[in-house]
Amino acid sequence: MVTFFCPSCWKQIKREDKKCPHCGADIIEHEKKGFEEKLINALNHPERETVQRAVWILGRLRSLQAVNPLISLFERIENSFLKMEILDALSEIETPEALGFIIRTRDSEISIVRQKARELVKKI
């Protein structure tokens, strides 16, 4: 059985819902969005695995639109492994802003994140 979530509030909805019964978001409008925009939206999903997949795919797509949302996600989460995934994705995207963020992260208080950032900086 597939579980459906509102793309705005991420509460569970029924497959046939056109509007979210919890927050009123227009589900039909969301369905019109492009794949990349939906992936960026998935960075706020409550399931960790969904977020991790979205981060990985955005990196492989080299999504320029995802740089700021990825940095924002990095700054608000505590999961060290997801932080390292985000750094990998940013290194794939390779914008000056993404690379600058990786460089700044070399001084992270979290040792494995700091180590990952330093490893990626060596490759730059």
Protein backbone atom coordinates (compact mmCIF):
# COMPACT_ATOMS: atom_id res chain seq x y z
CA MET A 1 0.00 0.00 0.00
CA VAL A 2 1.34 3.41 -0.96
CA THR A 3 1.15 6.27 1.53
CA PHE A 4 0.49 9.76 0.19
CA PHE A 5 1.60 12.96 1.87
CA CYS A 6 0.66 16.58 1.36
CA PRO A 7 3.59 18.31 -0.36
CA SER A 8 3.10 21.34 1.84
CA CYS A 9 2.50 20.15 5.42
CA TRP A 10 3.61 16.51 4.85
CA LYS A 11 0.63 15.07 6.69
CA GLN A 12 -0.88 11.88 5.35
CA ILE A 13 -3.63 12.37 2.76
CA LYS A 14 -5.79 10.14 0.59
CA ARG A 15 -4.72 9.46 -2.98
CA GLU A 16 -7.88 11.09 -4.36
CA ASP A 17 -7.54 14.34 -2.36
CA LYS A 18 -7.37 17.44 -4.56
CA LYS A 19 -6.73 19.73 -1.60
CA CYS A 20 -5.02 18.84 1.64
CA PRO A 21 -7.64 18.39 4.38
CA HIS A 22 -5.06 19.59 6.95
CA CYS A 23 -3.56 22.75 5.45
CA GLY A 24 -5.62 23.39 2.30
CA ALA A 25 -2.69 23.09 -0.11
CA ASP A 26 -3.65 22.54 -3.75
CA ILE A 27 -2.41 19.03 -4.58
CA ILE A 28 -3.23 19.45 -8.29
CA GLU A 29 -0.94 22.52 -8.52
CA HIS A 30 1.87 20.58 -6.91
CA GLU A 31 1.48 17.80 -9.46
CA LYS A 32 2.12 20.35 -12.23
CA LYS A 33 5.57 21.20 -10.84
CA GLY A 34 8.70 19.84 -12.46
CA PHE A 35 10.75 16.93 -11.15
CA GLU A 36 13.57 19.10 -9.81
CA GLU A 37 11.17 21.38 -7.95
CA LYS A 38 9.44 18.34 -6.42
CA LEU A 39 12.81 16.99 -5.27
CA ILE A 40 13.66 20.30 -3.61
CA ASN A 41 10.28 20.21 -1.91
CA ALA A 42 11.05 16.65 -0.71
CA LEU A 43 13.96 18.02 1.35
CA ASN A 44 11.28 18.78 3.98
CA HIS A 45 9.74 15.32 3.93
CA PRO A 46 9.32 13.65 7.36
CA GLU A 47 10.85 10.35 6.23
CA ARG A 48 14.63 10.48 6.47
CA GLU A 49 15.12 8.05 3.57
CA THR A 50 13.05 10.25 1.24
CA VAL A 51 15.14 13.29 2.15
CA GLN A 52 18.36 11.34 1.66
CA ARG A 53 17.26 10.15 -1.80
CA ALA A 54 16.26 13.69 -2.78
CA VAL A 55 19.66 15.03 -1.67
CA TRP A 56 21.48 12.35 -3.66
CA ILE A 57 19.43 12.88 -6.82
CA LEU A 58 19.74 16.67 -6.65
CA GLY A 59 23.51 16.29 -6.46
CA ARG A 60 23.58 13.94 -9.46
CA LEU A 61 21.36 16.34 -11.40
CA ARG A 62 23.76 19.14 -10.46
CA SER A 63 20.71 21.18 -9.56
CA LEU A 64 21.60 24.86 -9.37
CA GLN A 65 18.19 25.55 -7.80
CA ALA A 66 18.99 23.16 -4.95
CA VAL A 67 22.11 24.89 -3.60
CA ASN A 68 20.37 27.23 -1.14
CA PRO A 69 17.77 24.66 -0.02
CA LEU A 70 20.56 22.11 0.58
CA ILE A 71 22.60 24.60 2.60
CA SER A 72 19.49 25.53 4.58
CA LEU A 73 18.76 21.86 5.28
CA PHE A 74 22.37 21.28 6.39
CA GLU A 75 22.14 24.17 8.84
CA ARG A 76 18.90 23.04 10.48
CA ILE A 77 19.50 19.29 10.90
CA GLU A 78 21.56 17.37 13.41
CA ASN A 79 22.00 14.11 11.46
CA SER A 80 25.74 13.92 10.70
CA PHE A 81 25.32 11.34 7.96
CA LEU A 82 22.76 13.44 6.12
CA LYS A 83 25.06 16.44 6.50
CA MET A 84 27.79 14.43 4.75
CA GLU A 85 25.34 13.49 1.95
CA ILE A 86 24.53 17.16 1.52
CA LEU A 87 28.23 18.02 1.27
CA ASP A 88 28.61 15.34 -1.42
CA ALA A 89 25.65 16.75 -3.33
CA LEU A 90 27.02 20.29 -3.11
CA SER A 91 30.40 19.08 -4.36
CA GLU A 92 28.64 17.57 -7.40
CA ILE A 93 26.82 20.84 -8.11
CA GLU A 94 30.09 22.81 -7.99
CA THR A 95 28.79 26.38 -7.91
CA PRO A 96 30.99 28.95 -6.15
CA GLU A 97 28.38 29.19 -3.40
CA ALA A 98 28.25 25.40 -2.94
CA LEU A 99 32.03 25.07 -2.88
CA GLY A 100 32.37 28.05 -0.55
CA PHE A 101 29.98 26.40 1.87
CA ILE A 102 32.01 23.18 1.81
CA ILE A 103 35.15 25.17 2.52
CA ARG A 104 33.49 26.89 5.50
CA THR A 105 32.35 23.52 6.80
CA ARG A 106 35.96 22.37 7.25
CA ASP A 107 35.72 23.92 10.71
CA SER A 108 32.58 22.02 11.74
CA GLU A 109 32.32 20.96 15.37
CA ILE A 110 31.28 17.48 14.20
CA SER A 111 34.45 15.54 13.46
CA ILE A 112 33.10 13.26 10.69
CA VAL A 113 31.47 16.23 8.95
CA ARG A 114 34.68 18.25 9.29
CA GLN A 115 36.66 15.31 7.89
CA LYS A 116 34.25 14.92 4.94
CA ALA A 117 34.45 18.63 4.13
CA ARG A 118 38.25 18.56 4.23
CA GLU A 119 38.29 15.49 1.98
CA LEU A 120 36.05 17.24 -0.55
CA VAL A 121 38.10 20.46 -0.43
CA LYS A 122 41.21 18.46 -1.41
CA LYS A 123 39.37 17.35 -4.55
CA ILE A 124 38.40 20.92 -5.52
